[in-house]
C-alpha atoms as a PDB file:
ATOM      1  CA  MET A   1     209.136 138.316  19.046  1.00  0.00           C
ATOM      2  CA  ARG A   2     206.579 138.887  21.648  1.00  0.00           C
ATOM      3  CA  GLU A   3     205.741 142.587  21.005  1.00  0.00           C
ATOM      4  CA  PRO A   4     205.734 144.066  17.525  1.00  0.00           C
ATOM      5  CA  LEU A   5     208.775 146.191  16.847  1.00  0.00           C
ATOM      6  CA  ALA A   6     206.625 149.191  15.738  1.00  0.00           C
ATOM      7  CA  ASP A   7     204.917 149.157  19.137  1.00  0.00           C
ATOM      8  CA  ILE A   8     208.212 149.099  20.904  1.00  0.00           C
ATOM      9  CA  ALA A   9     209.388 152.010  18.897  1.00  0.00           C
ATOM     10  CA  ARG A  10     206.357 153.974  19.552  1.00  0.00           C
ATOM     11  CA  ALA A  11     206.613 153.411  23.288  1.00  0.00           C
ATOM     12  CA  ALA A  12     210.232 154.755  23.156  1.00  0.00           C
ATOM     13  CA  LEU A  13     209.033 157.879  21.316  1.00  0.00           C
ATOM     14  CA  ARG A  14     206.406 158.507  24.009  1.00  0.00           C
ATOM     15  CA  LEU A  15     209.162 158.444  26.653  1.00  0.00           C
ATOM     16  CA  GLY A  16     211.548 160.318  24.366  1.00  0.00           C
ATOM     17  CA  ARG A  17     214.489 157.933  25.297  1.00  0.00           C
ATOM     18  CA  PRO A  18     215.194 154.288  25.419  1.00  0.00           C
ATOM     19  CA  PRO A  19     212.767 152.558  27.948  1.00  0.00           C
ATOM     20  CA  HIS A  20     215.644 150.315  29.309  1.00  0.00           C
ATOM     21  CA  ASP A  21     218.015 151.160  32.019  1.00  0.00           C
ATOM     22  CA  ARG A  22     221.345 152.607  30.971  1.00  0.00           C
ATOM     23  CA  ALA A  23     223.318 149.547  31.753  1.00  0.00           C
ATOM     24  CA  ALA A  24     221.150 147.403  29.418  1.00  0.00           C
ATOM     25  CA  VAL A  25     221.588 149.951  26.587  1.00  0.00           C
ATOM     26  CA  ARG A  26     225.336 150.184  27.174  1.00  0.00           C
ATOM     27  CA  ARG A  27     225.616 146.435  26.747  1.00  0.00           C
ATOM     28  CA  SER A  28     223.782 146.492  23.501  1.00  0.00           C
ATOM     29  CA  GLU A  29     222.985 142.924  24.022  1.00  0.00           C
ATOM     30  CA  PRO A  30     219.306 142.293  23.609  1.00  0.00           C
ATOM     31  CA  GLU A  31     217.784 139.273  25.281  1.00  0.00           C
ATOM     32  CA  PRO A  32     216.609 136.549  22.874  1.00  0.00           C
ATOM     33  CA  GLY A  33     213.078 137.501  21.602  1.00  0.00           C
ATOM     34  CA  ALA A  34     213.308 140.873  23.461  1.00  0.00           C
ATOM     35  CA  PRO A  35     214.464 143.785  21.232  1.00  0.00           C
ATOM     36  CA  LEU A  36     216.397 146.604  22.837  1.00  0.00           C
ATOM     37  CA  VAL A  37     215.971 150.306  22.027  1.00  0.00           C
ATOM     38  CA  ALA A  38     219.492 151.529  21.226  1.00  0.00           C
ATOM     39  CA  ASP A  39     218.522 155.199  20.780  1.00  0.00           C
ATOM     40  CA  VAL A  40     215.813 157.675  20.082  1.00  0.00           C
ATOM     41  CA  TRP A  41     216.116 160.893  17.951  1.00  0.00           C
ATOM     42  CA  ILE A  42     213.359 163.464  18.110  1.00  0.00           C
ATOM     43  CA  SER A  43     213.343 166.718  16.234  1.00  0.00           C
ATOM     44  CA  GLY A  44     210.159 168.574  16.807  1.00  0.00           C
ATOM     45  CA  ASP A  45     207.366 166.331  15.636  1.00  0.00           C
ATOM     46  CA  LEU A  46     209.621 164.000  13.789  1.00  0.00           C
ATOM     47  CA  GLY A  47     210.933 160.884  15.567  1.00  0.00           C
ATOM     48  CA  PHE A  48     213.307 157.980  14.816  1.00  0.00           C
ATOM     49  CA  VAL A  49     214.011 154.911  16.961  1.00  0.00           C
ATOM     50  CA  LEU A  50     216.850 152.451  16.455  1.00  0.00           C
ATOM     51  CA  LEU A  51     216.314 148.932  17.772  1.00  0.00           C
ATOM     52  CA  LEU A  52     218.605 145.952  18.146  1.00  0.00           C
ATOM     53  CA  HIS A  53     217.558 142.344  18.352  1.00  0.00           C
ATOM     54  CA  ARG A  54     219.005 138.829  17.889  1.00  0.00           C
ATOM     55  CA  ARG A  55     217.949 137.032  14.653  1.00  0.00           C
ATOM     56  CA  ASP A  56     217.042 133.346  14.681  1.00  0.00           C
ATOM     57  CA  ASP A  57     220.657 132.663  13.418  1.00  0.00           C
ATOM     58  CA  GLY A  58     222.114 134.400  16.422  1.00  0.00           C
ATOM     59  CA  GLN A  59     223.302 137.464  14.512  1.00  0.00           C
ATOM     60  CA  LEU A  60     222.766 140.930  15.982  1.00  0.00           C
ATOM     61  CA  ALA A  61     220.523 142.999  13.783  1.00  0.00           C
ATOM     62  CA  GLU A  62     219.136 146.611  13.714  1.00  0.00           C
ATOM     63  CA  GLU A  63     215.872 148.119  12.662  1.00  0.00           C
ATOM     64  CA  LEU A  64     215.117 151.759  12.108  1.00  0.00           C
ATOM     65  CA  TYR A  65     211.665 153.249  12.563  1.00  0.00           C
ATOM     66  CA  HIS A  66     210.226 156.683  11.905  1.00  0.00           C
ATOM     67  CA  SER A  67     206.984 158.447  13.036  1.00  0.00           C
ATOM     68  CA  LEU A  68     205.271 161.749  13.137  1.00  0.00           C
ATOM     69  CA  ARG A  69     203.683 163.315  16.190  1.00  0.00           C
ATOM     70  CA  GLY A  70     200.165 164.730  15.554  1.00  0.00           C
ATOM     71  CA  GLU A  71     198.590 167.987  16.733  1.00  0.00           C
ATOM     72  CA  ASP A  72     197.199 166.074  19.567  1.00  0.00           C
ATOM     73  CA  GLY A  73     200.722 165.200  20.667  1.00  0.00           C
ATOM     74  CA  VAL A  74     200.302 161.480  19.937  1.00  0.00           C
ATOM     75  CA  TRP A  75     202.870 159.651  17.806  1.00  0.00           C
ATOM     76  CA  ALA A  76     201.582 157.682  14.841  1.00  0.00           C
ATOM     77  CA  ARG A  77     202.420 153.997  14.567  1.00  0.00           C
ATOM     78  CA  PRO A  78     206.066 154.066  13.325  1.00  0.00           C
ATOM     79  CA  ASP A  79     207.032 153.029   9.871  1.00  0.00           C
ATOM     80  CA  HIS A  80     209.885 150.771   9.250  1.00  0.00           C
ATOM     81  CA  LEU A  81     212.648 152.482   7.202  1.00  0.00           C
ATOM     82  CA  GLY A  82     215.249 149.643   7.122  1.00  0.00           C
ATOM     83  CA  GLY A  83     217.381 147.210   8.841  1.00  0.00           C
ATOM     84  CA  GLY A  84     219.969 144.531   8.610  1.00  0.00           C
ATOM     85  CA  VAL A  85     222.775 142.672  10.343  1.00  0.00           C
ATOM     86  CA  VAL A  86     225.083 144.743  12.478  1.00  0.00           C
ATOM     87  CA  GLY A  87     228.581 144.190  11.179  1.00  0.00           C
ATOM     88  CA  ALA A  88     230.197 143.598  14.452  1.00  0.00           C
ATOM     89  CA  GLU A  89     229.427 142.243  17.967  1.00  0.00           C
ATOM     90  CA  ILE A  90     229.526 145.778  19.512  1.00  0.00           C
ATOM     91  CA  ALA A  91     229.077 144.457  23.014  1.00  0.00           C
ATOM     92  CA  ASP A  92     232.436 142.780  22.873  1.00  0.00           C
ATOM     93  CA  PRO A  93     235.119 145.045  24.327  1.00  0.00           C
ATOM     94  CA  ALA A  94     237.861 143.613  21.994  1.00  0.00           C
ATOM     95  CA  VAL A  95     235.700 144.402  18.911  1.00  0.00           C
ATOM     96  CA  LEU A  96     234.869 147.833  20.243  1.00  0.00           C
ATOM     97  CA  ARG A  97     238.643 148.620  20.648  1.00  0.00           C
ATOM     98  CA  VAL A  98     239.243 147.551  16.978  1.00  0.00           C
ATOM     99  CA  VAL A  99     236.376 149.451  15.559  1.00  0.00           C
ATOM    100  CA  LEU A 100     237.081 152.660  17.499  1.00  0.00           C
ATOM    101  CA  ALA A 101     240.920 152.586  17.083  1.00  0.00           C
ATOM    102  CA  GLY A 102     241.444 154.632  20.105  1.00  0.00           C
ATOM    103  CA  ALA A 103     238.774 157.260  19.387  1.00  0.00           C
ATOM    104  CA  PRO A 104     235.930 157.842  21.810  1.00  0.00           C
ATOM    105  CA  MET A 105     233.322 157.524  18.926  1.00  0.00           C
ATOM    106  CA  ALA A 106     233.068 156.718  15.260  1.00  0.00           C
ATOM    107  CA  VAL A 107     230.400 156.590  12.612  1.00  0.00           C
ATOM    108  CA  VAL A 108     229.693 152.836  11.833  1.00  0.00           C
ATOM    109  CA  ALA A 109     226.668 153.097   9.579  1.00  0.00           C
ATOM    110  CA  GLU A 110     225.090 155.698   7.261  1.00  0.00           C
ATOM    111  CA  SER A 111     221.833 155.599   5.238  1.00  0.00           C
ATOM    112  CA  GLU A 112     219.234 157.683   3.617  1.00  0.00           C
ATOM    113  CA  SER A 113     215.402 157.424   3.504  1.00  0.00           C
ATOM    114  CA  LEU A 114     212.559 159.366   1.918  1.00  0.00           C
ATOM    115  CA  ILE A 115     210.107 160.229   4.730  1.00  0.00           C
ATOM    116  CA  ASP A 116     207.004 162.210   5.437  1.00  0.00           C
ATOM    117  CA  THR A 117     207.496 165.241   7.562  1.00  0.00           C
ATOM    118  CA  PRO A 118     205.077 167.280   9.838  1.00  0.00           C
ATOM    119  CA  ASP A 119     205.063 170.021   7.176  1.00  0.00           C
ATOM    120  CA  GLY A 120     203.362 167.690   4.759  1.00  0.00           C
ATOM    121  CA  ASP A 121     206.561 167.146   2.780  1.00  0.00           C
ATOM    122  CA  ASP A 122     206.169 163.592   1.530  1.00  0.00           C
ATOM    123  CA  GLY A 123     209.558 163.258  -0.050  1.00  0.00           C
ATOM    124  CA  ALA A 124     212.164 164.745   2.445  1.00  0.00           C
ATOM    125  CA  LEU A 125     215.434 162.888   2.276  1.00  0.00           C
ATOM    126  CA  ALA A 126     216.472 162.042   5.940  1.00  0.00           C
ATOM    127  CA  HIS A 127     220.136 161.230   6.276  1.00  0.00           C
ATOM    128  CA  VAL A 128     220.898 158.846   9.104  1.00  0.00           C
ATOM    129  CA  TRP A 129     224.138 158.091  10.973  1.00  0.00           C
ATOM    130  CA  GLU A 130     224.797 155.507  13.633  1.00  0.00           C
ATOM    131  CA  VAL A 131     227.638 156.456  15.930  1.00  0.00           C
ATOM    132  CA  LEU A 132     229.478 153.854  18.034  1.00  0.00           C
ATOM    133  CA  LEU A 133     230.592 155.025  21.533  1.00  0.00           C
ATOM    134  CA  GLY A 134     233.412 153.781  23.595  1.00  0.00           C
ATOM    135  CA  ASP A 135     233.139 152.563  27.149  1.00  0.00           C
ATOM    136  CA  GLU A 136     234.576 155.831  28.568  1.00  0.00           C
ATOM    137  CA  VAL A 137     231.737 157.943  27.018  1.00  0.00           C
ATOM    138  CA  ASP A 138     228.992 158.786  29.569  1.00  0.00           C
ATOM    139  CA  LEU A 139     227.175 161.452  27.559  1.00  0.00           C
ATOM    140  CA  VAL A 140     226.853 162.788  23.986  1.00  0.00           C
ATOM    141  CA  GLU A 141     226.352 166.515  23.472  1.00  0.00           C
ATOM    142  CA  VAL A 142     224.874 167.373  20.090  1.00  0.00           C
ATOM    143  CA  GLU A 143     225.000 170.939  18.701  1.00  0.00           C
ATOM    144  CA  ARG A 144     222.378 171.265  16.053  1.00  0.00           C
ATOM    145  CA  SER A 145     222.136 173.868  13.385  1.00  0.00           C
ATOM    146  CA  PRO A 146     219.313 175.334  11.326  1.00  0.00           C
ATOM    147  CA  PRO A 147     216.908 175.394   9.666  1.00  0.00           C
ATOM    148  CA  ALA A 148     214.411 173.461  11.945  1.00  0.00           C
ATOM    149  CA  ALA A 149     216.529 172.055  14.688  1.00  0.00           C
ATOM    150  CA  SER A 150     218.864 174.566  16.224  1.00  0.00           C
ATOM    151  CA  GLY A 151     220.079 174.193  19.720  1.00  0.00           C
ATOM    152  CA  THR A 152     222.212 171.916  21.870  1.00  0.00           C
ATOM    153  CA  SER A 153     221.083 168.678  23.648  1.00  0.00           C
ATOM    154  CA  THR A 154     222.883 166.230  25.832  1.00  0.00           C
ATOM    155  CA  SER A 155     221.813 162.604  26.410  1.00  0.00           C
ATOM    156  CA  SER A 156     223.109 159.577  28.434  1.00  0.00           C
ATOM    157  CA  ALA A 157     225.177 157.448  26.050  1.00  0.00           C
ATOM    158  CA  GLY A 158     224.239 153.923  25.204  1.00  0.00           C
ATOM    159  CA  ARG A 159     226.507 151.948  22.874  1.00  0.00           C
ATOM    160  CA  LEU A 160     225.006 153.421  19.705  1.00  0.00           C
ATOM    161  CA  ALA A 161     223.879 157.069  19.127  1.00  0.00           C
ATOM    162  CA  LEU A 162     221.421 157.901  16.293  1.00  0.00           C
ATOM    163  CA  VAL A 163     221.631 161.161  14.396  1.00  0.00           C
ATOM    164  CA  VAL A 164     219.063 162.130  11.677  1.00  0.00           C
ATOM    165  CA  LEU A 165     219.405 165.256   9.610  1.00  0.00           C
ATOM    166  CA  LEU A 166     217.151 166.851   6.977  1.00  0.00           C
ATOM    167  CA  PRO A 167     218.378 168.946   4.039  1.00  0.00           C
ATOM    168  CA  GLY A 168     220.242 172.086   5.298  1.00  0.00           C
ATOM    169  CA  GLU A 169     220.826 170.675   8.750  1.00  0.00           C
ATOM    170  CA  ARG A 170     224.148 169.775  10.417  1.00  0.00           C
ATOM    171  CA  ALA A 171     225.284 168.610  13.833  1.00  0.00           C
ATOM    172  CA  ARG A 172     228.462 168.506  15.881  1.00  0.00           C
ATOM    173  CA  LEU A 173     228.764 165.614  18.372  1.00  0.00           C
ATOM    174  CA  HIS A 174     231.077 165.786  21.472  1.00  0.00           C
ATOM    175  CA  ALA A 175     231.806 162.673  23.500  1.00  0.00           C
ATOM    176  CA  LEU A 176     231.698 163.463  27.188  1.00  0.00           C
ATOM    177  CA  ARG A 177     232.855 161.695  30.394  1.00  0.00           C
ATOM    178  CA  ARG A 178     231.674 162.601  33.875  1.00  0.00           C
ATOM    179  CA  GLU A 179     234.548 163.569  36.172  1.00  0.00           C
ATOM    180  CA  ASP A 180     233.757 164.867  39.672  1.00  0.00           C
ATOM    181  CA  GLY A 181     230.295 165.506  38.770  1.00  0.00           C
ATOM    182  CA  ARG A 182     230.995 167.563  35.689  1.00  0.00           C
ATOM    183  CA  PRO A 183     231.244 166.573  31.990  1.00  0.00           C
ATOM    184  CA  VAL A 184     234.695 166.599  30.267  1.00  0.00           C
ATOM    185  CA  ARG A 185     235.018 166.411  26.489  1.00  0.00           C
ATOM    186  CA  LEU A 186     236.842 163.526  25.003  1.00  0.00           C
ATOM    187  CA  GLY A 187     238.718 163.602  21.711  1.00  0.00           C
ATOM    188  CA  ASP A 188     237.670 165.520  18.605  1.00  0.00           C
ATOM    189  CA  PRO A 189     234.038 166.221  17.808  1.00  0.00           C
ATOM    190  CA  LEU A 190     232.286 164.564  14.892  1.00  0.00           C
ATOM    191  CA  GLU A 191     230.959 166.949  12.287  1.00  0.00           C
ATOM    192  CA  LEU A 192     227.914 165.750  10.404  1.00  0.00           C
ATOM    193  CA  ARG A 193     226.142 167.495   7.564  1.00  0.00           C
ATOM    194  CA  HIS A 194     223.333 166.447   5.479  1.00  0.00           C
ATOM    195  CA  PRO A 195     224.700 165.883   1.956  1.00  0.00           C
ATOM    196  CA  GLU A 196     222.132 168.132   0.091  1.00  0.00           C
ATOM    197  CA  ARG A 197     221.459 167.135  -3.423  1.00  0.00           C
END
């Protein structure tokens, strides 16, 4: 790959969103040798980036990166948390229909990682979900609950949405479609909660 994945992740964190146009992110089909930023998740000074790329054997793969933003507002070089082969060709409409089974969105991957946090907690357990979105979804509304990340945010939808929660946090995701310039909710929301231990 031409540019190291950590540098691509850091650039996405600086922007606060995928640096590609929405159509490229919707296709979730990275060019050979050119990774695609699928989604960015930022909670205060804690950031995560999900990248997609094609392996040498042609399989679609993902990589998850994590970074902290310093007091100077600069993101540290991201650390690689994990990755692997994506279980389906998510750019293929037929595969998308099978995986979603009529729903506008569905959780397709879940993982946990011990991470450093801005508070100096060097063993916080971050719980990560990847949510696959249907073609009809234009936006994702995320309602986040305490302790650190309360509020609601809406972002343009790519093919995959990334959700990262720390202990005590939860989120409710609504899939939205734009109709006559206004968002309309699709299907039931997804309720995600950090499985505290």
